Amino acid sequence: MSGAMSCNLSARLPLDRLALYIPSRTKRGRLIGRIVDAMKVILAQPRGFCAGVVRAIEIVERALEKYGPPVYVRHEIVHNKHVVENLKAKGARFVEDLSEVPADAVTIFSAHGVAKSVEEEAAARNLPVLNATCPLVTKVHNQGKRYVGQGRQLILIGHAGHPEVEGTMGQIPSPVILVQSEADVEALDLAADTPVAYVTQTTLSVDDTQGVIAALQRKFSNLVGPETRDICYATQNRQSAVRELSKQVDMILVVGAKNSSNSNRLREIGSEEGRPSYLIADGSELDPNWLVGMNTVGITAGASAPEVLVDDVIAALRRLGPVEVSVLPGRQEKIEFRLPPELAKAS
């Protein structure tokens, strides 16, 4: 195809086909290109909802069924606008402070957990509370309490301002030191023989924390922490899947919310692996320009993103041209967490 023919073809292409028109230049600088017959899309496995998120959403839905709307949820139940808006439509009301909850109203704590002071405020007001805190987050709380009970200085590895971090620090009955990087560890003004323990934010994986943990091990001679198997399985599995996915695709789309810690980290990992990676809430945020020159697209989703949003992204790709979808072999997750007893028998 000549350069002139290619340019004319580009001009004649419908706008929604331009993403599948792959331009390049000849030695003389003339524009040439080709139409991709089918975009290959590979889905990461696992992706999307984890057991803690499924449990949290089900708690809100069953509470609405059992008690009727409205029910009040402190903070977003999970960090995903689609999920939150869907629950709002069913009668859930999301608040940031318990002062916004009317007397006697059913109150739900989000999957991220809350500080002890929040639990005490709810108890003082006799609010009927359903706790949707992820059991793995609760496990971190209990580990931290056990460590400080042993007389150790507790260090939390996590992101400042994240609701899980705020909840964990508020659950521990002694001062907690938050570190986010190896530099933070080096700056700690503690003697080398100080009895120290660490716990981690659950949305950080083994890979995310290993550098900081190594820095703690270098700095302190009396250090303890959770076993590797205690790290959130869902975070590690999704990150490992993205690393595998990056070996087989030209670019990566991560479906998730901008305020989702684990979704942002998935995008970062894709970039670290040398693949252009983009975080999008749904198919409406897909930029066709990203697809120029890309034959194979990988898709994953953060732990709080429902599969319907992955389907929406695939549908957006199909509007640009033919798509062949396959799933990367990966770990099958079969973990389920029990609901609160008050809701276990709800229909």
Foldseek 3Di string as FASTA:
>chain_A
DDLVVQVVVCVPDDPLQNLQWAWDADPVRRIHTDGDAAFEEAEFPPFAADQLLVQLLVQLVLCCLPVNADAEEAAQLAAAPVSSVVSVVSHYHYDNACVPPDQQGEYEYHQLAAAPVRVVVCVVSVHNYFYSHRVLLVVLLVVLQVLVVVVAAEEEADDPPDRSVNRSCRSHPDHYHYDDALVSLVPDPDQQAGQYEYEYRQLAACVRCVRNVVSNVVRHPHYYYDDNVSRNPQNHQQLVRLLVVLVPWQAEEEAGHPPHPSSVVSQVSSVVSPHNYYYDNALVPDDSNVSHPTRYYYYHYHNNHDVVRVVRNVVSVVSSHHYDYDYDDGDDDDDHDDGPPVRNPRD
